[in-house]
Amino acid sequence: MKELHFKGNFWNAEITSTTGYDTIIQRLNDGKKTCKEIEDFIKARATIEEKYGKDLLNLSKKVCGLSELNTLKRSLDVFKLQIENVGTSHIQLAQTLRDEAKKLEEFRERQKEARKKVEQHMEAFHKQKATQYKKTMETKKTYEQKCREKEDAEQTMNRNANTSNAKQLEKLSLKSQQTKMAAEDADRMYSQNVSILEKIREDWQKEHERACEIFENYEVERISALRNILWTHLNHLSQQCVTSDELYEEVRKSLEQCSIQKDIEYFIDLRRTGDKPPAPIPYENFYSGQRPPVVGRLGFLGGRRGPLPNPVDTESDGIYSTVNDPTYSFVRQ
């Protein structure tokens, strides 16, 4: 199938019409508008990503599991760290998106400036063509009028050739000659303007074809640029998902190392209070002579303790147990 191009499909049979050209310009203006809309869309997405990233950073600073111990505490620390990293990555993504939008803005401005030169050039041709066409039509009208006047003068002279005297015939002949010369001058002027108009039309046609090729290239570049920018934009968003998943994977790995039994044992070793429960509290009857055994802080001690025994000296007693020296004083001066 033959490819279609601008230069072969945007003409008009009316020489002064600019319908085809105006249609192309409208397409380019619509394309420029689309570029601006996508640019604003990407900027808005960047703002969302930045706000989300900052919210995650603030969230990662909140207290979370401060009282936890051992492997679960390490997992919670990794969890908060990776949430912070995810937030940072979203802020970085926001800057990347703004860079994309900036490139699109620069592209749009470049095309705008390049188009402006071509459009000004074509507008000058359109004005010149319209002016010359108007002038040519005016000279054509004059030429046709002079031709009619010439024919009228000739017909009048022929009608009065046999009835008029020599003076009247001379006058009619002179008028016929004058109208003939005027018609010939008008013919030359008209013919000259037609030639000028044709030259302008040929030049305009070449410039129109050239402008069509340039504008088609601009449209190809614009569509290609938008396609690539959107493709890249989606790649950045996909990469952000991959990055976030990689950071979350670090949390999952840490959770895999979180041992329930180890954390239980760690807490027991760190905070144990004893391995024996309290003994039963016995009933004591106030009126009974027999009192139940007393249970003290050190556990069950058996029956009542008897009186203190008299000290007995033994050879193994320490030197401070008994002092037999009568001259020994507890307070030395």
C-alpha atoms as a PDB file:
ATOM      1  CA  MET A   1       0.000   0.000   0.000  1.00  0.00           C
ATOM      2  CA  LYS A   2       1.327   3.413  -0.960  1.00  0.00           C
ATOM      3  CA  GLU A   3       2.246   5.634   1.964  1.00  0.00           C
ATOM      4  CA  LEU A   4       0.370   8.917   2.298  1.00  0.00           C
ATOM      5  CA  HIS A   5       2.199  12.184   2.879  1.00  0.00           C
ATOM      6  CA  PHE A   6       1.213  15.756   3.670  1.00  0.00           C
ATOM      7  CA  LYS A   7       2.515  17.240   0.441  1.00  0.00           C
ATOM      8  CA  GLY A   8       0.171  15.136  -1.702  1.00  0.00           C
ATOM      9  CA  ASN A   9      -3.036  15.523   0.247  1.00  0.00           C
ATOM     10  CA  PHE A  10      -3.469  19.103   1.435  1.00  0.00           C
ATOM     11  CA  TRP A  11      -4.194  21.150  -1.682  1.00  0.00           C
ATOM     12  CA  ASN A  12      -7.244  23.142  -2.769  1.00  0.00           C
ATOM     13  CA  ALA A  13      -8.507  23.908  -6.253  1.00  0.00           C
ATOM     14  CA  GLU A  14      -9.063  27.568  -5.353  1.00  0.00           C
ATOM     15  CA  ILE A  15      -5.758  29.393  -5.801  1.00  0.00           C
ATOM     16  CA  THR A  16      -6.328  31.774  -2.900  1.00  0.00           C
ATOM     17  CA  SER A  17      -7.542  29.064  -0.517  1.00  0.00           C
ATOM     18  CA  THR A  18      -5.313  28.045   2.405  1.00  0.00           C
ATOM     19  CA  THR A  19      -7.625  25.293   3.671  1.00  0.00           C
ATOM     20  CA  GLY A  20      -5.040  22.516   3.280  1.00  0.00           C
ATOM     21  CA  TYR A  21      -2.299  24.553   4.920  1.00  0.00           C
ATOM     22  CA  ASP A  22      -4.607  25.653   7.745  1.00  0.00           C
ATOM     23  CA  THR A  23      -5.584  22.014   8.353  1.00  0.00           C
ATOM     24  CA  ILE A  24      -1.932  21.059   8.837  1.00  0.00           C
ATOM     25  CA  ILE A  25      -1.310  24.029  11.143  1.00  0.00           C
ATOM     26  CA  GLN A  26      -4.334  23.037  13.236  1.00  0.00           C
ATOM     27  CA  ARG A  27      -2.937  19.508  13.537  1.00  0.00           C
ATOM     28  CA  LEU A  28       0.404  20.888  14.718  1.00  0.00           C
ATOM     29  CA  ASN A  29      -1.322  23.153  17.242  1.00  0.00           C
ATOM     30  CA  ASP A  30      -3.317  20.201  18.553  1.00  0.00           C
ATOM     31  CA  GLY A  31      -0.091  18.218  18.829  1.00  0.00           C
ATOM     32  CA  LYS A  32       1.554  21.056  20.768  1.00  0.00           C
ATOM     33  CA  LYS A  33      -1.424  21.066  23.106  1.00  0.00           C
ATOM     34  CA  THR A  34      -1.062  17.306  23.640  1.00  0.00           C
ATOM     35  CA  CYS A  35       2.622  17.766  24.498  1.00  0.00           C
ATOM     36  CA  LYS A  36       1.703  20.368  27.114  1.00  0.00           C
ATOM     37  CA  GLU A  37      -1.005  18.133  28.565  1.00  0.00           C
ATOM     38  CA  ILE A  38       1.381  15.166  28.904  1.00  0.00           C
ATOM     39  CA  GLU A  39       4.036  17.465  30.335  1.00  0.00           C
ATOM     40  CA  ASP A  40       1.582  18.687  32.994  1.00  0.00           C
ATOM     41  CA  PHE A  41       0.479  15.087  33.645  1.00  0.00           C
ATOM     42  CA  ILE A  42       4.056  13.950  34.329  1.00  0.00           C
ATOM     43  CA  LYS A  43       4.672  16.967  36.577  1.00  0.00           C
ATOM     44  CA  ALA A  44       1.530  16.132  38.539  1.00  0.00           C
ATOM     45  CA  ARG A  45       2.683  12.513  38.896  1.00  0.00           C
ATOM     46  CA  ALA A  46       6.054  13.783  40.137  1.00  0.00           C
ATOM     47  CA  THR A  47       4.282  15.847  42.801  1.00  0.00           C
ATOM     48  CA  ILE A  48       2.328  12.775  43.911  1.00  0.00           C
ATOM     49  CA  GLU A  49       5.489  10.644  44.075  1.00  0.00           C
ATOM     50  CA  GLU A  50       7.321  13.320  46.066  1.00  0.00           C
ATOM     51  CA  LYS A  51       4.504  13.689  48.582  1.00  0.00           C
ATOM     52  CA  TYR A  52       4.206   9.914  48.928  1.00  0.00           C
ATOM     53  CA  GLY A  53       7.970   9.614  49.451  1.00  0.00           C
ATOM     54  CA  LYS A  54       8.008  12.335  52.116  1.00  0.00           C
ATOM     55  CA  ASP A  55       5.043  10.731  53.881  1.00  0.00           C
ATOM     56  CA  LEU A  56       6.906   7.413  53.949  1.00  0.00           C
ATOM     57  CA  LEU A  57      10.008   9.102  55.364  1.00  0.00           C
ATOM     58  CA  ASN A  58       7.915  10.669  58.132  1.00  0.00           C
ATOM     59  CA  LEU A  59       6.223   7.323  58.745  1.00  0.00           C
ATOM     60  CA  SER A  60       9.572   5.525  59.021  1.00  0.00           C
ATOM     61  CA  LYS A  61      10.547   7.867  61.889  1.00  0.00           C
ATOM     62  CA  LYS A  62       7.585   6.883  64.035  1.00  0.00           C
ATOM     63  CA  VAL A  63       8.144   4.598  67.018  1.00  0.00           C
ATOM     64  CA  CYS A  64       7.550   1.015  65.996  1.00  0.00           C
ATOM     65  CA  GLY A  65       8.481  -1.928  68.184  1.00  0.00           C
ATOM     66  CA  LEU A  66      10.777   0.025  70.517  1.00  0.00           C
ATOM     67  CA  SER A  67      10.273  -2.507  73.312  1.00  0.00           C
ATOM     68  CA  GLU A  68      10.898  -5.570  71.153  1.00  0.00           C
ATOM     69  CA  LEU A  69      13.949  -7.794  71.660  1.00  0.00           C
ATOM     70  CA  ASN A  70      16.420  -9.898  69.721  1.00  0.00           C
ATOM     71  CA  THR A  71      15.589 -11.158  66.188  1.00  0.00           C
ATOM     72  CA  LEU A  72      12.146  -9.558  65.910  1.00  0.00           C
ATOM     73  CA  LYS A  73      13.667  -6.210  66.924  1.00  0.00           C
ATOM     74  CA  ARG A  74      16.269  -6.587  64.164  1.00  0.00           C
ATOM     75  CA  SER A  75      13.502  -7.364  61.666  1.00  0.00           C
ATOM     76  CA  LEU A  76      11.531  -4.306  62.759  1.00  0.00           C
ATOM     77  CA  ASP A  77      14.649  -2.154  62.407  1.00  0.00           C
ATOM     78  CA  VAL A  78      15.173  -3.499  58.891  1.00  0.00           C
ATOM     79  CA  PHE A  79      11.490  -2.916  58.173  1.00  0.00           C
ATOM     80  CA  LYS A  80      11.685   0.765  59.168  1.00  0.00           C
ATOM     81  CA  LEU A  81      14.973   1.226  57.310  1.00  0.00           C
ATOM     82  CA  GLN A  82      13.587  -0.209  54.089  1.00  0.00           C
ATOM     83  CA  ILE A  83      10.406   1.877  54.373  1.00  0.00           C
ATOM     84  CA  GLU A  84      12.716   4.887  54.625  1.00  0.00           C
ATOM     85  CA  ASN A  85      14.615   3.671  51.561  1.00  0.00           C
ATOM     86  CA  VAL A  86      11.357   3.208  49.646  1.00  0.00           C
ATOM     87  CA  GLY A  87      10.387   6.769  50.534  1.00  0.00           C
ATOM     88  CA  THR A  88      13.760   8.050  49.333  1.00  0.00           C
ATOM     89  CA  SER A  89      13.415   6.115  46.074  1.00  0.00           C
ATOM     90  CA  HIS A  90      10.007   7.708  45.438  1.00  0.00           C
ATOM     91  CA  ILE A  91      11.487  11.171  45.993  1.00  0.00           C
ATOM     92  CA  GLN A  92      14.260  10.312  43.526  1.00  0.00           C
ATOM     93  CA  LEU A  93      11.605   9.082  41.080  1.00  0.00           C
ATOM     94  CA  ALA A  94       9.819  12.422  41.422  1.00  0.00           C
ATOM     95  CA  GLN A  95      12.981  14.237  40.331  1.00  0.00           C
ATOM     96  CA  THR A  96      13.426  11.819  37.417  1.00  0.00           C
ATOM     97  CA  LEU A  97       9.866  12.521  36.286  1.00  0.00           C
ATOM     98  CA  ARG A  98      10.482  16.263  36.476  1.00  0.00           C
ATOM     99  CA  ASP A  99      13.549  15.778  34.284  1.00  0.00           C
ATOM    100  CA  GLU A 100      11.331  13.949  31.763  1.00  0.00           C
ATOM    101  CA  ALA A 101       8.817  16.787  31.807  1.00  0.00           C
ATOM    102  CA  LYS A 102      11.634  19.299  31.311  1.00  0.00           C
ATOM    103  CA  LYS A 103      12.859  17.429  28.231  1.00  0.00           C
ATOM    104  CA  LEU A 104       9.340  17.436  26.798  1.00  0.00           C
ATOM    105  CA  GLU A 105       9.022  21.156  27.477  1.00  0.00           C
ATOM    106  CA  GLU A 106      12.332  21.847  25.713  1.00  0.00           C
ATOM    107  CA  PHE A 107      11.233  19.696  22.761  1.00  0.00           C
ATOM    108  CA  ARG A 108       7.953  21.588  22.530  1.00  0.00           C
ATOM    109  CA  GLU A 109       9.732  24.954  22.596  1.00  0.00           C
ATOM    110  CA  ARG A 110      12.224  23.870  19.919  1.00  0.00           C
ATOM    111  CA  GLN A 111       9.411  22.831  17.594  1.00  0.00           C
ATOM    112  CA  LYS A 112       7.560  26.055  18.345  1.00  0.00           C
ATOM    113  CA  GLU A 113      10.533  28.193  17.296  1.00  0.00           C
ATOM    114  CA  ALA A 114      11.265  26.110  14.202  1.00  0.00           C
ATOM    115  CA  ARG A 115       7.604  26.181  13.140  1.00  0.00           C
ATOM    116  CA  LYS A 116       7.427  29.932  13.639  1.00  0.00           C
ATOM    117  CA  LYS A 117      10.036  30.583  10.924  1.00  0.00           C
ATOM    118  CA  VAL A 118       8.308  28.338   8.384  1.00  0.00           C
ATOM    119  CA  GLU A 119       4.871  29.753   9.185  1.00  0.00           C
ATOM    120  CA  GLN A 120       6.077  33.346   8.795  1.00  0.00           C
ATOM    121  CA  HIS A 121       7.651  32.433   5.443  1.00  0.00           C
ATOM    122  CA  MET A 122       4.451  30.769   4.236  1.00  0.00           C
ATOM    123  CA  GLU A 123       2.243  33.604   5.468  1.00  0.00           C
ATOM    124  CA  ALA A 124       4.320  36.026   3.374  1.00  0.00           C
ATOM    125  CA  PHE A 125       3.768  33.797   0.319  1.00  0.00           C
ATOM    126  CA  HIS A 126       0.045  33.581   1.012  1.00  0.00           C
ATOM    127  CA  LYS A 127      -0.203  37.341   1.285  1.00  0.00           C
ATOM    128  CA  GLN A 128       1.848  37.886  -1.876  1.00  0.00           C
ATOM    129  CA  LYS A 129      -0.191  35.312  -3.794  1.00  0.00           C
ATOM    130  CA  ALA A 130      -3.504  36.803  -2.644  1.00  0.00           C
ATOM    131  CA  THR A 131      -2.368  40.344  -3.482  1.00  0.00           C
ATOM    132  CA  GLN A 132      -1.143  39.394  -6.938  1.00  0.00           C
ATOM    133  CA  TYR A 133      -4.286  37.377  -7.634  1.00  0.00           C
ATOM    134  CA  LYS A 134      -6.440  40.361  -6.732  1.00  0.00           C
ATOM    135  CA  LYS A 135      -4.340  42.636  -8.944  1.00  0.00           C
ATOM    136  CA  THR A 136      -4.508  40.154 -11.813  1.00  0.00           C
ATOM    137  CA  MET A 137      -8.285  39.898 -11.560  1.00  0.00           C
ATOM    138  CA  GLU A 138      -8.552  43.687 -11.571  1.00  0.00           C
ATOM    139  CA  THR A 139      -6.406  43.956 -14.706  1.00  0.00           C
ATOM    140  CA  LYS A 140      -8.454  41.161 -16.272  1.00  0.00           C
ATOM    141  CA  LYS A 141     -11.617  43.098 -15.564  1.00  0.00           C
ATOM    142  CA  THR A 142     -10.061  46.234 -17.064  1.00  0.00           C
ATOM    143  CA  TYR A 143      -8.839  44.268 -20.085  1.00  0.00           C
ATOM    144  CA  GLU A 144     -12.299  42.816 -20.704  1.00  0.00           C
ATOM    145  CA  GLN A 145     -13.864  46.263 -20.368  1.00  0.00           C
ATOM    146  CA  LYS A 146     -11.389  47.768 -22.824  1.00  0.00           C
ATOM    147  CA  CYS A 147     -12.032  44.950 -25.264  1.00  0.00           C
ATOM    148  CA  ARG A 148     -15.765  45.632 -25.103  1.00  0.00           C
ATOM    149  CA  GLU A 149     -15.145  49.343 -25.655  1.00  0.00           C
ATOM    150  CA  LYS A 150     -12.930  48.529 -28.660  1.00  0.00           C
ATOM    151  CA  GLU A 151     -15.607  46.268 -30.157  1.00  0.00           C
ATOM    152  CA  ASP A 152     -18.287  48.928 -29.569  1.00  0.00           C
ATOM    153  CA  ALA A 153     -16.147  51.592 -31.280  1.00  0.00           C
ATOM    154  CA  GLU A 154     -15.470  49.337 -34.256  1.00  0.00           C
ATOM    155  CA  GLN A 155     -19.123  48.422 -34.593  1.00  0.00           C
ATOM    156  CA  THR A 156     -20.157  52.098 -34.402  1.00  0.00           C
ATOM    157  CA  MET A 157     -17.616  53.038 -37.051  1.00  0.00           C
ATOM    158  CA  ASN A 158     -18.783  50.241 -39.342  1.00  0.00           C
ATOM    159  CA  ARG A 159     -22.440  51.171 -38.921  1.00  0.00           C
ATOM    160  CA  ASN A 160     -21.779  54.817 -39.821  1.00  0.00           C
ATOM    161  CA  ALA A 161     -19.303  54.170 -42.611  1.00  0.00           C
ATOM    162  CA  ASN A 162     -21.868  54.962 -45.384  1.00  0.00           C
ATOM    163  CA  THR A 163     -23.950  57.590 -43.618  1.00  0.00           C
ATOM    164  CA  SER A 164     -21.421  59.825 -41.941  1.00  0.00           C
ATOM    165  CA  ASN A 165     -19.301  62.551 -43.464  1.00  0.00           C
ATOM    166  CA  ALA A 166     -15.541  62.409 -43.580  1.00  0.00           C
ATOM    167  CA  LYS A 167     -15.100  64.363 -40.359  1.00  0.00           C
ATOM    168  CA  GLN A 168     -17.401  62.079 -38.408  1.00  0.00           C
ATOM    169  CA  LEU A 169     -15.719  58.998 -39.896  1.00  0.00           C
ATOM    170  CA  GLU A 170     -12.335  60.360 -38.925  1.00  0.00           C
ATOM    171  CA  LYS A 171     -13.580  60.942 -35.405  1.00  0.00           C
ATOM    172  CA  LEU A 172     -15.033  57.426 -35.204  1.00  0.00           C
ATOM    173  CA  SER A 173     -11.848  55.958 -36.626  1.00  0.00           C
ATOM    174  CA  LEU A 174      -9.734  57.846 -34.105  1.00  0.00           C
ATOM    175  CA  LYS A 175     -11.883  56.568 -31.248  1.00  0.00           C
ATOM    176  CA  SER A 176     -11.626  53.048 -32.616  1.00  0.00           C
ATOM    177  CA  GLN A 177      -7.863  53.346 -32.729  1.00  0.00           C
ATOM    178  CA  GLN A 178      -7.770  54.736 -29.167  1.00  0.00           C
ATOM    179  CA  THR A 179      -9.936  51.932 -27.800  1.00  0.00           C
ATOM    180  CA  LYS A 180      -7.846  49.412 -29.681  1.00  0.00           C
ATOM    181  CA  MET A 181      -4.636  50.783 -28.147  1.00  0.00           C
ATOM    182  CA  ALA A 182      -6.244  50.860 -24.716  1.00  0.00           C
ATOM    183  CA  ALA A 183      -7.357  47.266 -25.151  1.00  0.00           C
ATOM    184  CA  GLU A 184      -3.874  46.259 -26.237  1.00  0.00           C
ATOM    185  CA  ASP A 185      -2.359  48.064 -23.201  1.00  0.00           C
ATOM    186  CA  ALA A 186      -4.859  46.359 -20.918  1.00  0.00           C
ATOM    187  CA  ASP A 187      -4.075  43.057 -22.589  1.00  0.00           C
ATOM    188  CA  ARG A 188      -0.364  43.524 -21.972  1.00  0.00           C
ATOM    189  CA  MET A 189      -0.978  44.544 -18.358  1.00  0.00           C
ATOM    190  CA  TYR A 190      -3.311  41.620 -17.792  1.00  0.00           C
ATOM    191  CA  SER A 191      -0.923  39.194 -19.470  1.00  0.00           C
ATOM    192  CA  GLN A 192       1.975  40.562 -17.455  1.00  0.00           C
ATOM    193  CA  ASN A 193       0.086  40.149 -14.181  1.00  0.00           C
ATOM    194  CA  VAL A 194      -0.928  36.607 -15.152  1.00  0.00           C
ATOM    195  CA  SER A 195       2.730  35.792 -15.735  1.00  0.00           C
ATOM    196  CA  ILE A 196       3.715  37.326 -12.394  1.00  0.00           C
ATOM    197  CA  LEU A 197       0.907  35.449 -10.666  1.00  0.00           C
ATOM    198  CA  GLU A 198       2.015  32.189 -12.269  1.00  0.00           C
ATOM    199  CA  LYS A 199       5.575  32.737 -11.094  1.00  0.00           C
ATOM    200  CA  ILE A 200       4.325  33.442  -7.578  1.00  0.00           C
ATOM    201  CA  ARG A 201       2.017  30.406  -7.742  1.00  0.00           C
ATOM    202  CA  GLU A 202       4.897  28.140  -8.796  1.00  0.00           C
ATOM    203  CA  ASP A 203       7.114  29.485  -6.019  1.00  0.00           C
ATOM    204  CA  TRP A 204       4.274  29.143  -3.513  1.00  0.00           C
ATOM    205  CA  GLN A 205       3.582  25.584  -4.626  1.00  0.00           C
ATOM    206  CA  LYS A 206       7.224  24.626  -4.114  1.00  0.00           C
ATOM    207  CA  GLU A 207       7.249  26.297  -0.692  1.00  0.00           C
ATOM    208  CA  HIS A 208       3.954  24.666   0.211  1.00  0.00           C
ATOM    209  CA  GLU A 209       5.383  21.235  -0.634  1.00  0.00           C
ATOM    210  CA  ARG A 210       8.527  22.058   1.332  1.00  0.00           C
ATOM    211  CA  ALA A 211       6.465  23.279   4.292  1.00  0.00           C
ATOM    212  CA  CYS A 212       4.352  20.109   4.135  1.00  0.00           C
ATOM    213  CA  GLU A 213       7.508  17.985   4.296  1.00  0.00           C
ATOM    214  CA  ILE A 214       8.877  20.026   7.211  1.00  0.00           C
ATOM    215  CA  PHE A 215       5.580  19.920   9.105  1.00  0.00           C
ATOM    216  CA  GLU A 216       5.233  16.191   8.476  1.00  0.00           C
ATOM    217  CA  ASN A 217       8.728  15.681   9.893  1.00  0.00           C
ATOM    218  CA  TYR A 218       7.744  17.754  12.932  1.00  0.00           C
ATOM    219  CA  GLU A 219       4.680  15.587  13.407  1.00  0.00           C
ATOM    220  CA  VAL A 220       6.745  12.413  13.061  1.00  0.00           C
ATOM    221  CA  GLU A 221       9.235  13.750  15.622  1.00  0.00           C
ATOM    222  CA  ARG A 222       6.453  14.773  17.985  1.00  0.00           C
ATOM    223  CA  ILE A 223       4.686  11.415  17.877  1.00  0.00           C
ATOM    224  CA  SER A 224       8.004   9.609  18.228  1.00  0.00           C
ATOM    225  CA  ALA A 225       9.065  11.839  21.131  1.00  0.00           C
ATOM    226  CA  LEU A 226       5.777  11.373  22.986  1.00  0.00           C
ATOM    227  CA  ARG A 227       5.858   7.636  22.387  1.00  0.00           C
ATOM    228  CA  ASN A 228       9.425   7.391  23.730  1.00  0.00           C
ATOM    229  CA  ILE A 229       8.731   9.676  26.693  1.00  0.00           C
ATOM    230  CA  LEU A 230       5.668   7.680  27.727  1.00  0.00           C
ATOM    231  CA  TRP A 231       7.574   4.440  27.255  1.00  0.00           C
ATOM    232  CA  THR A 232      10.431   5.738  29.396  1.00  0.00           C
ATOM    233  CA  HIS A 233       7.953   7.095  31.927  1.00  0.00           C
ATOM    234  CA  LEU A 234       6.373   3.668  32.340  1.00  0.00           C
ATOM    235  CA  ASN A 235       9.821   2.067  32.586  1.00  0.00           C
ATOM    236  CA  HIS A 236      10.627   4.399  35.479  1.00  0.00           C
ATOM    237  CA  LEU A 237       7.382   3.479  37.209  1.00  0.00           C
ATOM    238  CA  SER A 238       8.043  -0.238  36.654  1.00  0.00           C
ATOM    239  CA  GLN A 239      11.594   0.152  37.949  1.00  0.00           C
ATOM    240  CA  GLN A 240      10.213   1.850  41.033  1.00  0.00           C
ATOM    241  CA  CYS A 241       8.043  -1.203  41.638  1.00  0.00           C
ATOM    242  CA  VAL A 242      11.101  -3.446  41.222  1.00  0.00           C
ATOM    243  CA  THR A 243      13.158  -1.243  43.548  1.00  0.00           C
ATOM    244  CA  SER A 244      10.422  -1.226  46.178  1.00  0.00           C
ATOM    245  CA  ASP A 245      10.074  -5.008  45.943  1.00  0.00           C
ATOM    246  CA  GLU A 246      13.842  -5.441  46.325  1.00  0.00           C
ATOM    247  CA  LEU A 247      13.779  -3.288  49.453  1.00  0.00           C
ATOM    248  CA  TYR A 248      10.780  -5.188  50.790  1.00  0.00           C
ATOM    249  CA  GLU A 249      12.637  -8.420  50.036  1.00  0.00           C
ATOM    250  CA  GLU A 250      15.300  -7.321  52.513  1.00  0.00           C
ATOM    251  CA  VAL A 251      12.575  -7.135  55.137  1.00  0.00           C
ATOM    252  CA  ARG A 252      11.308 -10.571  54.156  1.00  0.00           C
ATOM    253  CA  LYS A 253      14.832 -11.991  54.462  1.00  0.00           C
ATOM    254  CA  SER A 254      15.143 -10.451  57.899  1.00  0.00           C
ATOM    255  CA  LEU A 255      11.803 -11.939  58.918  1.00  0.00           C
ATOM    256  CA  GLU A 256      13.028 -15.339  57.752  1.00  0.00           C
ATOM    257  CA  GLN A 257      15.859 -14.975  60.277  1.00  0.00           C
ATOM    258  CA  CYS A 258      13.412 -14.048  62.999  1.00  0.00           C
ATOM    259  CA  SER A 259      13.255 -17.072  65.353  1.00  0.00           C
ATOM    260  CA  ILE A 260      10.247 -17.320  67.607  1.00  0.00           C
ATOM    261  CA  GLN A 261      11.954 -19.780  69.974  1.00  0.00           C
ATOM    262  CA  LYS A 262      15.160 -17.749  70.132  1.00  0.00           C
ATOM    263  CA  ASP A 263      13.233 -14.602  71.010  1.00  0.00           C
ATOM    264  CA  ILE A 264      11.321 -16.454  73.735  1.00  0.00           C
ATOM    265  CA  GLU A 265      14.560 -17.871  75.180  1.00  0.00           C
ATOM    266  CA  TYR A 266      16.322 -14.505  74.886  1.00  0.00           C
ATOM    267  CA  PHE A 267      13.572 -12.805  76.855  1.00  0.00           C
ATOM    268  CA  ILE A 268      13.658 -15.564  79.514  1.00  0.00           C
ATOM    269  CA  ASP A 269      17.451 -15.312  79.937  1.00  0.00           C
ATOM    270  CA  LEU A 270      17.296 -11.534  80.097  1.00  0.00           C
ATOM    271  CA  ARG A 271      14.362 -11.075  82.451  1.00  0.00           C
ATOM    272  CA  ARG A 272      13.906 -14.339  84.372  1.00  0.00           C
ATOM    273  CA  THR A 273      12.642 -13.933  87.965  1.00  0.00           C
ATOM    274  CA  GLY A 274      12.906 -17.460  89.283  1.00  0.00           C
ATOM    275  CA  ASP A 275      12.125 -21.054  88.506  1.00  0.00           C
ATOM    276  CA  LYS A 276      10.053 -21.956  91.614  1.00  0.00           C
ATOM    277  CA  PRO A 277       6.464 -20.940  92.246  1.00  0.00           C
ATOM    278  CA  PRO A 278       5.335 -19.750  95.695  1.00  0.00           C
ATOM    279  CA  ALA A 279       4.484 -22.485  98.276  1.00  0.00           C
ATOM    280  CA  PRO A 280       0.891 -23.002  99.390  1.00  0.00           C
ATOM    281  CA  ILE A 281      -0.259 -20.689 102.182  1.00  0.00           C
ATOM    282  CA  PRO A 282      -1.150 -22.890 105.215  1.00  0.00           C
ATOM    283  CA  TYR A 283      -4.130 -22.403 107.486  1.00  0.00           C
ATOM    284  CA  GLU A 284      -3.194 -21.303 111.047  1.00  0.00           C
ATOM    285  CA  ASN A 285      -5.780 -21.801 113.825  1.00  0.00           C
ATOM    286  CA  PHE A 286      -5.396 -19.066 116.380  1.00  0.00           C
ATOM    287  CA  TYR A 287      -6.697 -21.222 119.237  1.00  0.00           C
ATOM    288  CA  SER A 288      -4.697 -24.278 118.490  1.00  0.00           C
ATOM    289  CA  GLY A 289      -1.553 -24.857 120.453  1.00  0.00           C
ATOM    290  CA  GLN A 290      -0.020 -26.490 117.522  1.00  0.00           C
ATOM    291  CA  ARG A 291       0.996 -23.919 114.883  1.00  0.00           C
ATOM    292  CA  PRO A 292       1.660 -25.095 111.372  1.00  0.00           C
ATOM    293  CA  PRO A 293       5.193 -24.887 110.110  1.00  0.00           C
ATOM    294  CA  VAL A 294       6.274 -21.406 109.097  1.00  0.00           C
ATOM    295  CA  VAL A 295       7.134 -20.888 105.498  1.00  0.00           C
ATOM    296  CA  GLY A 296       9.629 -18.131 105.031  1.00  0.00           C
ATOM    297  CA  ARG A 297      11.146 -16.387 102.090  1.00  0.00           C
ATOM    298  CA  LEU A 298      13.615 -19.201 101.664  1.00  0.00           C
ATOM    299  CA  GLY A 299      10.972 -21.878 101.526  1.00  0.00           C
ATOM    300  CA  PHE A 300       9.822 -24.475 104.044  1.00  0.00           C
ATOM    301  CA  LEU A 301      12.109 -24.577 107.126  1.00  0.00           C
ATOM    302  CA  GLY A 302      10.530 -27.456 109.067  1.00  0.00           C
ATOM    303  CA  GLY A 303       9.476 -27.156 112.800  1.00  0.00           C
ATOM    304  CA  ARG A 304      10.140 -24.330 115.248  1.00  0.00           C
ATOM    305  CA  ARG A 305      13.772 -23.443 115.815  1.00  0.00           C
ATOM    306  CA  GLY A 306      15.157 -24.152 119.300  1.00  0.00           C
ATOM    307  CA  PRO A 307      17.264 -21.805 121.491  1.00  0.00           C
ATOM    308  CA  LEU A 308      20.633 -20.581 120.281  1.00  0.00           C
ATOM    309  CA  PRO A 309      23.452 -23.105 121.116  1.00  0.00           C
ATOM    310  CA  ASN A 310      26.435 -22.155 123.278  1.00  0.00           C
ATOM    311  CA  PRO A 311      29.516 -21.389 121.191  1.00  0.00           C
ATOM    312  CA  VAL A 312      32.167 -24.050 121.182  1.00  0.00           C
ATOM    313  CA  ASP A 313      35.788 -23.348 120.417  1.00  0.00           C
ATOM    314  CA  THR A 314      37.358 -25.507 117.814  1.00  0.00           C
ATOM    315  CA  GLU A 315      40.692 -25.486 116.197  1.00  0.00           C
ATOM    316  CA  SER A 316      39.136 -24.625 112.868  1.00  0.00           C
ATOM    317  CA  ASP A 317      37.505 -21.437 114.150  1.00  0.00           C
ATOM    318  CA  GLY A 318      38.716 -18.230 112.635  1.00  0.00           C
ATOM    319  CA  ILE A 319      41.039 -15.912 114.586  1.00  0.00           C
ATOM    320  CA  TYR A 320      38.152 -13.480 115.095  1.00  0.00           C
ATOM    321  CA  SER A 321      35.723 -16.081 116.488  1.00  0.00           C
ATOM    322  CA  THR A 322      37.090 -16.038 120.094  1.00  0.00           C
ATOM    323  CA  VAL A 323      39.855 -13.962 121.566  1.00  0.00           C
ATOM    324  CA  ASN A 324      41.498 -15.501 124.698  1.00  0.00           C
ATOM    325  CA  ASP A 325      44.042 -12.729 125.175  1.00  0.00           C
ATOM    326  CA  PRO A 326      42.938 -10.851 128.386  1.00  0.00           C
ATOM    327  CA  THR A 327      44.891  -7.775 127.287  1.00  0.00           C
ATOM    328  CA  TYR A 328      42.999  -7.550 123.908  1.00  0.00           C
ATOM    329  CA  SER A 329      40.786  -4.504 123.527  1.00  0.00           C
ATOM    330  CA  PHE A 330      38.120  -4.079 120.821  1.00  0.00           C
ATOM    331  CA  VAL A 331      39.019  -0.434 120.434  1.00  0.00           C
ATOM    332  CA  ARG A 332      42.670   0.315 120.059  1.00  0.00           C
ATOM    333  CA  GLN A 333      43.747   3.774 121.065  1.00  0.00           C
END
